[in-house]
Structures are given as C-alpha cells and as structure tokens.
Amino acid sequence: MEHEPVRSARRLILWSAALSVLASFLFLVVPVFASENPGGTSVKRAIDVIGPRAFLVLIPPGIALLTLLAFQIGGTSRRAVSLIGAILLGACCLLALPSVGLFFLPSAACMLVAFGRLPVTDR
C-alpha cells in the first residue's frame, strides 16, 4: 500500500507529462506564428515556419514521460527521480524561454511540486 504523498506525487508527475504533451501538440498543430502582409495577416503552424526543427519541442514531454516511467520502477529512489526530472524539465524551459519555454512552465512546476511532496525516505 502506497502512502498518500507518493500517490500525490505520481498524480502530479502524470499531470506534468500531460501538460507537456498538450503544449507540444498545440505548438505543432495550432497556428502560432503570425505575419503582416500587404494582403492581410497570415498565420502559420510551427512546422511550416521552422521546419523539422519544430519537433525539438517533443523533448520536454519525453523527459516528463521518462520520469513517470522511472517513478513506476520499484527499485529506484522516487525522490531522486522526481528531482532529476524537475531539473531537466526546468532546464529545457529556461533554454527555450525566449521561444516556447513558457508553454512548458506549468509542466515544470508540477514536477517540482511532485518532488516537494515526497517524503525524504520513500522506500
């Protein structure tokens, strides 16, 4: 039987993964770039403007999903896994802050709160 802090942290990591997948999906599918032309305003998707490099936005969801997977494995230290996930996701947000990093801040915040909810000894 798991303790409530562990279940709560697992739910937060799941939310973190879901938020980062949603942010990536929206960035790739929804038109987010607008430009003024003499004929009016044109909006384009990230793939149309950036090209294949737009798929780099899939790195933060990969980090969140790998953290969730590692959290499920019994022999790992859940606190260490959630800290590493929070650091990596936060680093991705900071590196990409001028462009798409802001979209992933809620995901990084969920991961950080999940780390804070875990007790120091979780085995």
PDB file of N, CA and C in Angstrom:
ATOM      1  N   MET A   1       0.844  -1.188   0.000  1.00  0.00           N
ATOM      2  CA  MET A   1       0.000   0.000   0.000  1.00  0.00           C
ATOM      3  C   MET A   1       0.884   1.245   0.000  1.00  0.00           C
ATOM      4  N   GLU A   2       0.651   2.119  -0.967  1.00  0.00           N
ATOM      5  CA  GLU A   2       1.434   3.342  -1.060  1.00  0.00           C
ATOM      6  C   GLU A   2       0.886   4.402  -0.120  1.00  0.00           C
ATOM      7  N   HIS A   3       1.783   5.234   0.337  1.00  0.00           N
ATOM      8  CA  HIS A   3       1.389   6.359   1.173  1.00  0.00           C
ATOM      9  C   HIS A   3       0.797   7.455   0.302  1.00  0.00           C
ATOM     10  N   GLU A   4       0.017   8.315   0.887  1.00  0.00           N
ATOM     11  CA  GLU A   4      -0.644   9.399   0.154  1.00  0.00           C
ATOM     12  C   GLU A   4       0.350  10.342  -0.535  1.00  0.00           C
ATOM     13  N   PRO A   5       1.476  10.724   0.083  1.00  0.00           N
ATOM     14  CA  PRO A   5       2.411  11.614  -0.634  1.00  0.00           C
ATOM     15  C   PRO A   5       2.953  11.000  -1.927  1.00  0.00           C
ATOM     16  N   VAL A   6       3.158   9.689  -1.931  1.00  0.00           N
ATOM     17  CA  VAL A   6       3.673   9.035  -3.140  1.00  0.00           C
ATOM     18  C   VAL A   6       2.604   9.032  -4.231  1.00  0.00           C
ATOM     19  N   ARG A   7       1.355   8.733  -3.852  1.00  0.00           N
ATOM     20  CA  ARG A   7       0.266   8.770  -4.834  1.00  0.00           C
ATOM     21  C   ARG A   7       0.074  10.186  -5.375  1.00  0.00           C
ATOM     22  N   SER A   8       0.165  11.159  -4.487  1.00  0.00           N
ATOM     23  CA  SER A   8       0.021  12.546  -4.898  1.00  0.00           C
ATOM     24  C   SER A   8       1.139  12.959  -5.854  1.00  0.00           C
ATOM     25  N   ALA A   9       2.362  12.549  -5.552  1.00  0.00           N
ATOM     26  CA  ALA A   9       3.494  12.873  -6.427  1.00  0.00           C
ATOM     27  C   ALA A   9       3.333  12.189  -7.778  1.00  0.00           C
ATOM     28  N   ARG A  10       2.852  10.956  -7.785  1.00  0.00           N
ATOM     29  CA  ARG A  10       2.639  10.245  -9.047  1.00  0.00           C
ATOM     30  C   ARG A  10       1.594  10.972  -9.893  1.00  0.00           C
ATOM     31  N   ARG A  11       0.516  11.428  -9.259  1.00  0.00           N
ATOM     32  CA  ARG A  11      -0.507  12.177  -9.998  1.00  0.00           C
ATOM     33  C   ARG A  11       0.067  13.480 -10.560  1.00  0.00           C
ATOM     34  N   LEU A  12       0.891  14.161  -9.779  1.00  0.00           N
ATOM     35  CA  LEU A  12       1.492  15.418 -10.260  1.00  0.00           C
ATOM     36  C   LEU A  12       2.453  15.177 -11.418  1.00  0.00           C
ATOM     37  N   ILE A  13       3.212  14.097 -11.356  1.00  0.00           N
ATOM     38  CA  ILE A  13       4.114  13.784 -12.469  1.00  0.00           C
ATOM     39  C   ILE A  13       3.296  13.420 -13.709  1.00  0.00           C
ATOM     40  N   LEU A  14       2.186  12.727 -13.512  1.00  0.00           N
ATOM     41  CA  LEU A  14       1.297  12.415 -14.634  1.00  0.00           C
ATOM     42  C   LEU A  14       0.710  13.700 -15.226  1.00  0.00           C
ATOM     43  N   TRP A  15       0.304  14.636 -14.375  1.00  0.00           N
ATOM     44  CA  TRP A  15      -0.171  15.935 -14.854  1.00  0.00           C
ATOM     45  C   TRP A  15       0.920  16.682 -15.597  1.00  0.00           C
ATOM     46  N   SER A  16       2.139  16.602 -15.085  1.00  0.00           N
ATOM     47  CA  SER A  16       3.269  17.259 -15.739  1.00  0.00           C
ATOM     48  C   SER A  16       3.462  16.704 -17.145  1.00  0.00           C
ATOM     49  N   ALA A  17       3.415  15.387 -17.262  1.00  0.00           N
ATOM     50  CA  ALA A  17       3.565  14.762 -18.581  1.00  0.00           C
ATOM     51  C   ALA A  17       2.409  15.160 -19.498  1.00  0.00           C
ATOM     52  N   ALA A  18       1.187  15.158 -18.968  1.00  0.00           N
ATOM     53  CA  ALA A  18       0.031  15.517 -19.789  1.00  0.00           C
ATOM     54  C   ALA A  18       0.106  16.969 -20.252  1.00  0.00           C
ATOM     55  N   LEU A  19       0.506  17.872 -19.361  1.00  0.00           N
ATOM     56  CA  LEU A  19       0.624  19.282 -19.743  1.00  0.00           C
ATOM     57  C   LEU A  19       1.706  19.500 -20.798  1.00  0.00           C
ATOM     58  N   SER A  20       2.826  18.795 -20.676  1.00  0.00           N
ATOM     59  CA  SER A  20       3.890  18.986 -21.664  1.00  0.00           C
ATOM     60  C   SER A  20       3.511  18.373 -23.013  1.00  0.00           C
ATOM     61  N   VAL A  21       2.796  17.243 -23.003  1.00  0.00           N
ATOM     62  CA  VAL A  21       2.320  16.665 -24.267  1.00  0.00           C
ATOM     63  C   VAL A  21       1.310  17.607 -24.916  1.00  0.00           C
ATOM     64  N   LEU A  22       0.414  18.170 -24.120  1.00  0.00           N
ATOM     65  CA  LEU A  22      -0.573  19.115 -24.646  1.00  0.00           C
ATOM     66  C   LEU A  22       0.102  20.358 -25.225  1.00  0.00           C
ATOM     67  N   ALA A  23       1.088  20.893 -24.514  1.00  0.00           N
ATOM     68  CA  ALA A  23       1.796  22.084 -25.008  1.00  0.00           C
ATOM     69  C   ALA A  23       2.516  21.782 -26.322  1.00  0.00           C
ATOM     70  N   SER A  24       3.154  20.627 -26.412  1.00  0.00           N
ATOM     71  CA  SER A  24       3.839  20.255 -27.661  1.00  0.00           C
ATOM     72  C   SER A  24       2.850  20.077 -28.798  1.00  0.00           C
ATOM     73  N   PHE A  25       1.752  19.393 -28.511  1.00  0.00           N
ATOM     74  CA  PHE A  25       0.736  19.164 -29.543  1.00  0.00           C
ATOM     75  C   PHE A  25       0.190  20.499 -30.060  1.00  0.00           C
ATOM     76  N   LEU A  26      -0.150  21.388 -29.135  1.00  0.00           N
ATOM     77  CA  LEU A  26      -0.691  22.679 -29.553  1.00  0.00           C
ATOM     78  C   LEU A  26       0.327  23.496 -30.338  1.00  0.00           C
ATOM     79  N   PHE A  27       1.591  23.441 -29.918  1.00  0.00           N
ATOM     80  CA  PHE A  27       2.626  24.191 -30.626  1.00  0.00           C
ATOM     81  C   PHE A  27       2.809  23.666 -32.047  1.00  0.00           C
ATOM     82  N   LEU A  28       2.697  22.353 -32.224  1.00  0.00           N
ATOM     83  CA  LEU A  28       2.911  21.776 -33.549  1.00  0.00           C
ATOM     84  C   LEU A  28       1.690  21.884 -34.457  1.00  0.00           C
ATOM     85  N   VAL A  29       0.492  21.891 -33.908  1.00  0.00           N
ATOM     86  CA  VAL A  29      -0.721  21.816 -34.721  1.00  0.00           C
ATOM     87  C   VAL A  29      -1.414  23.168 -34.895  1.00  0.00           C
ATOM     88  N   VAL A  30      -1.474  23.961 -33.839  1.00  0.00           N
ATOM     89  CA  VAL A  30      -2.198  25.231 -33.885  1.00  0.00           C
ATOM     90  C   VAL A  30      -1.305  26.300 -34.523  1.00  0.00           C
ATOM     91  N   PRO A  31      -1.859  27.134 -35.378  1.00  0.00           N
ATOM     92  CA  PRO A  31      -1.058  28.230 -35.943  1.00  0.00           C
ATOM     93  C   PRO A  31      -0.644  29.221 -34.850  1.00  0.00           C
ATOM     94  N   VAL A  32       0.660  29.321 -34.623  1.00  0.00           N
ATOM     95  CA  VAL A  32       1.169  30.200 -33.566  1.00  0.00           C
ATOM     96  C   VAL A  32       2.021  31.345 -34.111  1.00  0.00           C
ATOM     97  N   PHE A  33       2.321  31.336 -35.385  1.00  0.00           N
ATOM     98  CA  PHE A  33       3.125  32.396 -35.988  1.00  0.00           C
ATOM     99  C   PHE A  33       2.227  33.249 -36.879  1.00  0.00           C
ATOM    100  N   ALA A  34       2.288  34.552 -36.685  1.00  0.00           N
ATOM    101  CA  ALA A  34       1.508  35.482 -37.496  1.00  0.00           C
ATOM    102  C   ALA A  34       2.449  36.490 -38.138  1.00  0.00           C
ATOM    103  N   SER A  35       2.121  36.873 -39.365  1.00  0.00           N
ATOM    104  CA  SER A  35       2.916  37.889 -40.052  1.00  0.00           C
ATOM    105  C   SER A  35       1.984  38.796 -40.848  1.00  0.00           C
ATOM    106  N   GLU A  36       2.388  40.053 -40.921  1.00  0.00           N
ATOM    107  CA  GLU A  36       1.603  41.043 -41.664  1.00  0.00           C
ATOM    108  C   GLU A  36       2.072  41.069 -43.111  1.00  0.00           C
ATOM    109  N   ASN A  37       1.142  40.970 -44.017  1.00  0.00           N
ATOM    110  CA  ASN A  37       1.402  41.077 -45.446  1.00  0.00           C
ATOM    111  C   ASN A  37       0.551  42.213 -45.998  1.00  0.00           C
ATOM    112  N   PRO A  38       0.894  42.712 -47.172  1.00  0.00           N
ATOM    113  CA  PRO A  38       0.033  43.743 -47.763  1.00  0.00           C
ATOM    114  C   PRO A  38      -1.410  43.257 -47.952  1.00  0.00           C
ATOM    115  N   GLY A  39      -1.578  41.961 -48.143  1.00  0.00           N
ATOM    116  CA  GLY A  39      -2.920  41.412 -48.342  1.00  0.00           C
ATOM    117  C   GLY A  39      -3.639  41.096 -47.044  1.00  0.00           C
ATOM    118  N   GLY A  40      -2.981  41.273 -45.902  1.00  0.00           N
ATOM    119  CA  GLY A  40      -3.599  40.973 -44.612  1.00  0.00           C
ATOM    120  C   GLY A  40      -2.642  40.191 -43.725  1.00  0.00           C
ATOM    121  N   THR A  41      -3.179  39.608 -42.684  1.00  0.00           N
ATOM    122  CA  THR A  41      -2.379  38.843 -41.735  1.00  0.00           C
ATOM    123  C   THR A  41      -2.435  37.370 -42.102  1.00  0.00           C
ATOM    124  N   SER A  42      -1.275  36.736 -42.120  1.00  0.00           N
ATOM    125  CA  SER A  42      -1.241  35.292 -42.373  1.00  0.00           C
ATOM    126  C   SER A  42      -0.732  34.582 -41.126  1.00  0.00           C
ATOM    127  N   VAL A  43      -1.350  33.474 -40.807  1.00  0.00           N
ATOM    128  CA  VAL A  43      -0.939  32.674 -39.652  1.00  0.00           C
ATOM    129  C   VAL A  43      -0.451  31.322 -40.151  1.00  0.00           C
ATOM    130  N   LYS A  44       0.604  30.826 -39.499  1.00  0.00           N
ATOM    131  CA  LYS A  44       1.204  29.560 -39.916  1.00  0.00           C
ATOM    132  C   LYS A  44       1.519  28.710 -38.694  1.00  0.00           C
ATOM    133  N   ARG A  45       1.591  27.412 -38.929  1.00  0.00           N
ATOM    134  CA  ARG A  45       1.982  26.471 -37.879  1.00  0.00           C
ATOM    135  C   ARG A  45       3.502  26.496 -37.728  1.00  0.00           C
ATOM    136  N   ALA A  46       3.967  25.999 -36.601  1.00  0.00           N
ATOM    137  CA  ALA A  46       5.411  25.972 -36.336  1.00  0.00           C
ATOM    138  C   ALA A  46       6.144  25.125 -37.358  1.00  0.00           C
ATOM    139  N   ILE A  47       5.543  24.029 -37.777  1.00  0.00           N
ATOM    140  CA  ILE A  47       6.198  23.145 -38.755  1.00  0.00           C
ATOM    141  C   ILE A  47       6.393  23.878 -40.076  1.00  0.00           C
ATOM    142  N   ASP A  48       5.433  24.710 -40.442  1.00  0.00           N
ATOM    143  CA  ASP A  48       5.527  25.456 -41.699  1.00  0.00           C
ATOM    144  C   ASP A  48       6.621  26.515 -41.656  1.00  0.00           C
ATOM    145  N   VAL A  49       6.846  27.112 -40.484  1.00  0.00           N
ATOM    146  CA  VAL A  49       7.821  28.195 -40.361  1.00  0.00           C
ATOM    147  C   VAL A  49       9.214  27.653 -40.042  1.00  0.00           C
ATOM    148  N   ILE A  50       9.309  26.782 -39.067  1.00  0.00           N
ATOM    149  CA  ILE A  50      10.608  26.308 -38.580  1.00  0.00           C
ATOM    150  C   ILE A  50      11.091  25.078 -39.341  1.00  0.00           C
ATOM    151  N   GLY A  51      10.167  24.265 -39.786  1.00  0.00           N
ATOM    152  CA  GLY A  51      10.534  23.030 -40.464  1.00  0.00           C
ATOM    153  C   GLY A  51      10.694  21.891 -39.470  1.00  0.00           C
ATOM    154  N   PRO A  52      11.529  20.916 -39.800  1.00  0.00           N
ATOM    155  CA  PRO A  52      11.691  19.739 -38.936  1.00  0.00           C
ATOM    156  C   PRO A  52      12.237  20.066 -37.539  1.00  0.00           C
ATOM    157  N   ARG A  53      12.898  21.207 -37.378  1.00  0.00           N
ATOM    158  CA  ARG A  53      13.407  21.582 -36.052  1.00  0.00           C
ATOM    159  C   ARG A  53      12.274  21.811 -35.055  1.00  0.00           C
ATOM    160  N   ALA A  54      11.056  21.995 -35.550  1.00  0.00           N
ATOM    161  CA  ALA A  54       9.915  22.187 -34.655  1.00  0.00           C
ATOM    162  C   ALA A  54       9.673  20.955 -33.795  1.00  0.00           C
ATOM    163  N   PHE A  55      10.137  19.801 -34.250  1.00  0.00           N
ATOM    164  CA  PHE A  55       9.939  18.570 -33.485  1.00  0.00           C
ATOM    165  C   PHE A  55      10.837  18.499 -32.249  1.00  0.00           C
ATOM    166  N   LEU A  56      11.767  19.428 -32.106  1.00  0.00           N
ATOM    167  CA  LEU A  56      12.565  19.504 -30.875  1.00  0.00           C
ATOM    168  C   LEU A  56      11.687  19.831 -29.667  1.00  0.00           C
ATOM    169  N   VAL A  57      10.509  20.352 -29.942  1.00  0.00           N
ATOM    170  CA  VAL A  57       9.581  20.675 -28.866  1.00  0.00           C
ATOM    171  C   VAL A  57       9.052  19.397 -28.194  1.00  0.00           C
ATOM    172  N   LEU A  58       9.354  18.249 -28.747  1.00  0.00           N
ATOM    173  CA  LEU A  58       8.938  16.975 -28.148  1.00  0.00           C
ATOM    174  C   LEU A  58       9.899  16.497 -27.066  1.00  0.00           C
ATOM    175  N   ILE A  59      11.003  17.193 -26.845  1.00  0.00           N
ATOM    176  CA  ILE A  59      11.959  16.792 -25.808  1.00  0.00           C
ATOM    177  C   ILE A  59      11.375  16.925 -24.403  1.00  0.00           C
ATOM    178  N   PRO A  60      10.754  18.047 -24.027  1.00  0.00           N
ATOM    179  CA  PRO A  60      10.187  18.123 -22.663  1.00  0.00           C
ATOM    180  C   PRO A  60       9.147  17.047 -22.344  1.00  0.00           C
ATOM    181  N   PRO A  61       8.221  16.719 -23.259  1.00  0.00           N
ATOM    182  CA  PRO A  61       7.314  15.616 -22.928  1.00  0.00           C
ATOM    183  C   PRO A  61       8.044  14.292 -22.773  1.00  0.00           C
ATOM    184  N   GLY A  62       9.103  14.103 -23.549  1.00  0.00           N
ATOM    185  CA  GLY A  62       9.900  12.886 -23.398  1.00  0.00           C
ATOM    186  C   GLY A  62      10.528  12.796 -22.018  1.00  0.00           C
ATOM    187  N   ILE A  63      11.034  13.912 -21.532  1.00  0.00           N
ATOM    188  CA  ILE A  63      11.616  13.945 -20.187  1.00  0.00           C
ATOM    189  C   ILE A  63      10.547  13.636 -19.140  1.00  0.00           C
ATOM    190  N   ALA A  64       9.380  14.252 -19.276  1.00  0.00           N
ATOM    191  CA  ALA A  64       8.308  14.026 -18.300  1.00  0.00           C
ATOM    192  C   ALA A  64       7.822  12.580 -18.334  1.00  0.00           C
ATOM    193  N   LEU A  65       7.687  12.010 -19.515  1.00  0.00           N
ATOM    194  CA  LEU A  65       7.227  10.622 -19.618  1.00  0.00           C
ATOM    195  C   LEU A  65       8.273   9.642 -19.106  1.00  0.00           C
ATOM    196  N   LEU A  66       9.547   9.918 -19.377  1.00  0.00           N
ATOM    197  CA  LEU A  66      10.604   9.050 -18.830  1.00  0.00           C
ATOM    198  C   LEU A  66      10.666   9.148 -17.312  1.00  0.00           C
ATOM    199  N   THR A  67      10.419  10.333 -16.780  1.00  0.00           N
ATOM    200  CA  THR A  67      10.375  10.491 -15.324  1.00  0.00           C
ATOM    201  C   THR A  67       9.228   9.681 -14.735  1.00  0.00           C
ATOM    202  N   LEU A  68       8.074   9.727 -15.391  1.00  0.00           N
ATOM    203  CA  LEU A  68       6.926   8.951 -14.925  1.00  0.00           C
ATOM    204  C   LEU A  68       7.228   7.459 -14.978  1.00  0.00           C
ATOM    205  N   LEU A  69       7.873   7.018 -16.043  1.00  0.00           N
ATOM    206  CA  LEU A  69       8.231   5.604 -16.171  1.00  0.00           C
ATOM    207  C   LEU A  69       9.230   5.190 -15.087  1.00  0.00           C
ATOM    208  N   ALA A  70      10.245   6.001 -14.874  1.00  0.00           N
ATOM    209  CA  ALA A  70      11.244   5.687 -13.848  1.00  0.00           C
ATOM    210  C   ALA A  70      10.632   5.733 -12.448  1.00  0.00           C
ATOM    211  N   PHE A  71       9.631   6.578 -12.262  1.00  0.00           N
ATOM    212  CA  PHE A  71       8.951   6.682 -10.971  1.00  0.00           C
ATOM    213  C   PHE A  71       8.200   5.392 -10.660  1.00  0.00           C
ATOM    214  N   GLN A  72       7.727   4.717 -11.701  1.00  0.00           N
ATOM    215  CA  GLN A  72       6.963   3.487 -11.526  1.00  0.00           C
ATOM    216  C   GLN A  72       7.850   2.291 -11.179  1.00  0.00           C
ATOM    217  N   ILE A  73       9.122   2.333 -11.543  1.00  0.00           N
ATOM    218  CA  ILE A  73      10.022   1.211 -11.300  1.00  0.00           C
ATOM    219  C   ILE A  73      10.303   1.121  -9.806  1.00  0.00           C
ATOM    220  N   GLY A  74      10.146  -0.070  -9.252  1.00  0.00           N
ATOM    221  CA  GLY A  74      10.208  -0.241  -7.810  1.00  0.00           C
ATOM    222  C   GLY A  74      11.559   0.022  -7.170  1.00  0.00           C
ATOM    223  N   GLY A  75      12.660  -0.297  -7.803  1.00  0.00           N
ATOM    224  CA  GLY A  75      13.954  -0.206  -7.156  1.00  0.00           C
ATOM    225  C   GLY A  75      14.591   1.169  -7.161  1.00  0.00           C
ATOM    226  N   THR A  76      13.982   2.115  -7.843  1.00  0.00           N
ATOM    227  CA  THR A  76      14.599   3.441  -7.935  1.00  0.00           C
ATOM    228  C   THR A  76      14.159   4.323  -6.780  1.00  0.00           C
ATOM    229  N   SER A  77      14.973   5.288  -6.458  1.00  0.00           N
ATOM    230  CA  SER A  77      14.610   6.263  -5.449  1.00  0.00           C
ATOM    231  C   SER A  77      13.672   7.285  -6.085  1.00  0.00           C
ATOM    232  N   ARG A  78      12.440   7.293  -5.659  1.00  0.00           N
ATOM    233  CA  ARG A  78      11.442   8.168  -6.279  1.00  0.00           C
ATOM    234  C   ARG A  78      11.775   9.639  -6.105  1.00  0.00           C
ATOM    235  N   ARG A  79      12.353   9.975  -4.976  1.00  0.00           N
ATOM    236  CA  ARG A  79      12.705  11.377  -4.729  1.00  0.00           C
ATOM    237  C   ARG A  79      13.805  11.832  -5.685  1.00  0.00           C
ATOM    238  N   ALA A  80      14.805  10.997  -5.899  1.00  0.00           N
ATOM    239  CA  ALA A  80      15.889  11.339  -6.821  1.00  0.00           C
ATOM    240  C   ALA A  80      15.376  11.437  -8.252  1.00  0.00           C
ATOM    241  N   VAL A  81      14.509  10.514  -8.643  1.00  0.00           N
ATOM    242  CA  VAL A  81      13.957  10.522  -9.997  1.00  0.00           C
ATOM    243  C   VAL A  81      13.144  11.785 -10.237  1.00  0.00           C
ATOM    244  N   SER A  82      12.308  12.162  -9.271  1.00  0.00           N
ATOM    245  CA  SER A  82      11.494  13.364  -9.469  1.00  0.00           C
ATOM    246  C   SER A  82      12.351  14.632  -9.458  1.00  0.00           C
ATOM    247  N   LEU A  83      13.430  14.652  -8.684  1.00  0.00           N
ATOM    248  CA  LEU A  83      14.335  15.805  -8.690  1.00  0.00           C
ATOM    249  C   LEU A  83      15.056  15.927 -10.028  1.00  0.00           C
ATOM    250  N   ILE A  84      15.553  14.808 -10.537  1.00  0.00           N
ATOM    251  CA  ILE A  84      16.236  14.835 -11.844  1.00  0.00           C
ATOM    252  C   ILE A  84      15.264  15.276 -12.936  1.00  0.00           C
ATOM    253  N   GLY A  85      14.033  14.759 -12.899  1.00  0.00           N
ATOM    254  CA  GLY A  85      13.025  15.172 -13.883  1.00  0.00           C
ATOM    255  C   GLY A  85      12.718  16.657 -13.790  1.00  0.00           C
ATOM    256  N   ALA A  86      12.597  17.166 -12.564  1.00  0.00           N
ATOM    257  CA  ALA A  86      12.305  18.595 -12.384  1.00  0.00           C
ATOM    258  C   ALA A  86      13.459  19.459 -12.886  1.00  0.00           C
ATOM    259  N   ILE A  87      14.684  19.039 -12.616  1.00  0.00           N
ATOM    260  CA  ILE A  87      15.853  19.805 -13.071  1.00  0.00           C
ATOM    261  C   ILE A  87      15.941  19.804 -14.593  1.00  0.00           C
ATOM    262  N   LEU A  88      15.770  18.633 -15.216  1.00  0.00           N
ATOM    263  CA  LEU A  88      15.862  18.554 -16.676  1.00  0.00           C
ATOM    264  C   LEU A  88      14.738  19.326 -17.362  1.00  0.00           C
ATOM    265  N   LEU A  89      13.533  19.196 -16.833  1.00  0.00           N
ATOM    266  CA  LEU A  89      12.410  19.917 -17.434  1.00  0.00           C
ATOM    267  C   LEU A  89      12.555  21.423 -17.225  1.00  0.00           C
ATOM    268  N   GLY A  90      13.024  21.827 -16.041  1.00  0.00           N
ATOM    269  CA  GLY A  90      13.270  23.242 -15.790  1.00  0.00           C
ATOM    270  C   GLY A  90      14.366  23.797 -16.682  1.00  0.00           C
ATOM    271  N   ALA A  91      15.407  23.000 -16.919  1.00  0.00           N
ATOM    272  CA  ALA A  91      16.488  23.436 -17.812  1.00  0.00           C
ATOM    273  C   ALA A  91      15.977  23.614 -19.241  1.00  0.00           C
ATOM    274  N   CYS A  92      15.128  22.705 -19.685  1.00  0.00           N
ATOM    275  CA  CYS A  92      14.536  22.848 -21.025  1.00  0.00           C
ATOM    276  C   CYS A  92      13.703  24.122 -21.105  1.00  0.00           C
ATOM    277  N   CYS A  93      12.953  24.405 -20.053  1.00  0.00           N
ATOM    278  CA  CYS A  93      12.143  25.634 -20.040  1.00  0.00           C
ATOM    279  C   CYS A  93      13.024  26.871 -20.104  1.00  0.00           C
ATOM    280  N   LEU A  94      14.087  26.877 -19.321  1.00  0.00           N
ATOM    281  CA  LEU A  94      14.972  28.054 -19.311  1.00  0.00           C
ATOM    282  C   LEU A  94      15.698  28.224 -20.638  1.00  0.00           C
ATOM    283  N   LEU A  95      16.156  27.123 -21.222  1.00  0.00           N
ATOM    284  CA  LEU A  95      16.861  27.220 -22.502  1.00  0.00           C
ATOM    285  C   LEU A  95      15.941  27.704 -23.621  1.00  0.00           C
ATOM    286  N   ALA A  96      14.700  27.285 -23.568  1.00  0.00           N
ATOM    287  CA  ALA A  96      13.764  27.643 -24.628  1.00  0.00           C
ATOM    288  C   ALA A  96      12.844  28.795 -24.244  1.00  0.00           C
ATOM    289  N   LEU A  97      13.142  29.475 -23.145  1.00  0.00           N
ATOM    290  CA  LEU A  97      12.267  30.538 -22.658  1.00  0.00           C
ATOM    291  C   LEU A  97      11.997  31.628 -23.693  1.00  0.00           C
ATOM    292  N   PRO A  98      12.984  32.050 -24.484  1.00  0.00           N
ATOM    293  CA  PRO A  98      12.672  33.090 -25.470  1.00  0.00           C
ATOM    294  C   PRO A  98      11.685  32.636 -26.548  1.00  0.00           C
ATOM    295  N   SER A  99      11.505  31.339 -26.731  1.00  0.00           N
ATOM    296  CA  SER A  99      10.583  30.892 -27.775  1.00  0.00           C
ATOM    297  C   SER A  99       9.399  30.121 -27.186  1.00  0.00           C
ATOM    298  N   VAL A 100       9.579  28.843 -26.887  1.00  0.00           N
ATOM    299  CA  VAL A 100       8.449  28.014 -26.451  1.00  0.00           C
ATOM    300  C   VAL A 100       8.560  27.572 -24.997  1.00  0.00           C
ATOM    301  N   GLY A 101       9.585  27.980 -24.307  1.00  0.00           N
ATOM    302  CA  GLY A 101       9.787  27.529 -22.932  1.00  0.00           C
ATOM    303  C   GLY A 101       8.665  27.922 -21.994  1.00  0.00           C
ATOM    304  N   LEU A 102       8.020  29.037 -22.286  1.00  0.00           N
ATOM    305  CA  LEU A 102       6.925  29.499 -21.446  1.00  0.00           C
ATOM    306  C   LEU A 102       5.755  28.515 -21.452  1.00  0.00           C
ATOM    307  N   PHE A 103       5.557  27.819 -22.573  1.00  0.00           N
ATOM    308  CA  PHE A 103       4.483  26.837 -22.666  1.00  0.00           C
ATOM    309  C   PHE A 103       4.694  25.668 -21.710  1.00  0.00           C
ATOM    310  N   PHE A 104       5.945  25.393 -21.346  1.00  0.00           N
ATOM    311  CA  PHE A 104       6.257  24.230 -20.524  1.00  0.00           C
ATOM    312  C   PHE A 104       6.448  24.562 -19.046  1.00  0.00           C
ATOM    313  N   LEU A 105       6.312  25.823 -18.663  1.00  0.00           N
ATOM    314  CA  LEU A 105       6.458  26.192 -17.253  1.00  0.00           C
ATOM    315  C   LEU A 105       5.448  25.500 -16.335  1.00  0.00           C
ATOM    316  N   PRO A 106       4.163  25.363 -16.710  1.00  0.00           N
ATOM    317  CA  PRO A 106       3.252  24.628 -15.826  1.00  0.00           C
ATOM    318  C   PRO A 106       3.676  23.175 -15.613  1.00  0.00           C
ATOM    319  N   SER A 107       4.200  22.563 -16.645  1.00  0.00           N
ATOM    320  CA  SER A 107       4.672  21.184 -16.528  1.00  0.00           C
ATOM    321  C   SER A 107       5.859  21.091 -15.576  1.00  0.00           C
ATOM    322  N   ALA A 108       6.795  22.016 -15.698  1.00  0.00           N
ATOM    323  CA  ALA A 108       7.956  22.027 -14.800  1.00  0.00           C
ATOM    324  C   ALA A 108       7.531  22.318 -13.367  1.00  0.00           C
ATOM    325  N   ALA A 109       6.549  23.193 -13.193  1.00  0.00           N
ATOM    326  CA  ALA A 109       6.058  23.497 -11.845  1.00  0.00           C
ATOM    327  C   ALA A 109       5.419  22.271 -11.203  1.00  0.00           C
ATOM    328  N   CYS A 110       4.643  21.506 -11.971  1.00  0.00           N
ATOM    329  CA  CYS A 110       4.045  20.268 -11.445  1.00  0.00           C
ATOM    330  C   CYS A 110       5.128  19.285 -11.024  1.00  0.00           C
ATOM    331  N   MET A 111       6.176  19.182 -11.821  1.00  0.00           N
ATOM    332  CA  MET A 111       7.264  18.256 -11.496  1.00  0.00           C
ATOM    333  C   MET A 111       7.978  18.692 -10.216  1.00  0.00           C
ATOM    334  N   LEU A 112       8.168  19.981 -10.050  1.00  0.00           N
ATOM    335  CA  LEU A 112       8.834  20.490  -8.854  1.00  0.00           C
ATOM    336  C   LEU A 112       7.971  20.280  -7.604  1.00  0.00           C
ATOM    337  N   VAL A 113       6.680  20.494  -7.734  1.00  0.00           N
ATOM    338  CA  VAL A 113       5.779  20.255  -6.606  1.00  0.00           C
ATOM    339  C   VAL A 113       5.737  18.768  -6.260  1.00  0.00           C
ATOM    340  N   ALA A 114       5.795  17.904  -7.267  1.00  0.00           N
ATOM    341  CA  ALA A 114       5.826  16.453  -7.010  1.00  0.00           C
ATOM    342  C   ALA A 114       7.060  16.088  -6.191  1.00  0.00           C
ATOM    343  N   PHE A 115       8.191  16.695  -6.516  1.00  0.00           N
ATOM    344  CA  PHE A 115       9.404  16.448  -5.732  1.00  0.00           C
ATOM    345  C   PHE A 115       9.215  16.895  -4.301  1.00  0.00           C
ATOM    346  N   GLY A 116       8.607  18.045  -4.107  1.00  0.00           N
ATOM    347  CA  GLY A 116       8.404  18.574  -2.756  1.00  0.00           C
ATOM    348  C   GLY A 116       7.417  17.767  -1.934  1.00  0.00           C
ATOM    349  N   ARG A 117       6.509  17.068  -2.571  1.00  0.00           N
ATOM    350  CA  ARG A 117       5.516  16.278  -1.839  1.00  0.00           C
ATOM    351  C   ARG A 117       6.060  14.961  -1.304  1.00  0.00           C
ATOM    352  N   LEU A 118       7.139  14.477  -1.899  1.00  0.00           N
ATOM    353  CA  LEU A 118       7.663  13.177  -1.478  1.00  0.00           C
ATOM    354  C   LEU A 118       8.397  13.280  -0.144  1.00  0.00           C
ATOM    355  N   PRO A 119       8.221  12.290   0.719  1.00  0.00           N
ATOM    356  CA  PRO A 119       8.983  12.277   1.960  1.00  0.00           C
ATOM    357  C   PRO A 119      10.443  11.969   1.675  1.00  0.00           C
ATOM    358  N   VAL A 120      11.316  12.322   2.605  1.00  0.00           N
ATOM    359  CA  VAL A 120      12.751  12.118   2.415  1.00  0.00           C
ATOM    360  C   VAL A 120      13.068  10.624   2.273  1.00  0.00           C
ATOM    361  N   THR A 121      12.425   9.775   3.044  1.00  0.00           N
ATOM    362  CA  THR A 121      12.596   8.333   2.910  1.00  0.00           C
ATOM    363  C   THR A 121      11.317   7.762   2.345  1.00  0.00           C
ATOM    364  N   ASP A 122      11.372   7.294   1.102  1.00  0.00           N
ATOM    365  CA  ASP A 122      10.150   6.828   0.440  1.00  0.00           C
ATOM    366  C   ASP A 122      10.151   5.342   0.142  1.00  0.00           C
ATOM    367  N   ARG A 123      11.032   4.595   0.679  1.00  0.00           N
ATOM    368  CA  ARG A 123      11.079   3.156   0.388  1.00  0.00           C
ATOM    369  C   ARG A 123      10.233   2.370   1.328  1.00  0.00           C
TER     370      ARG A 123
END
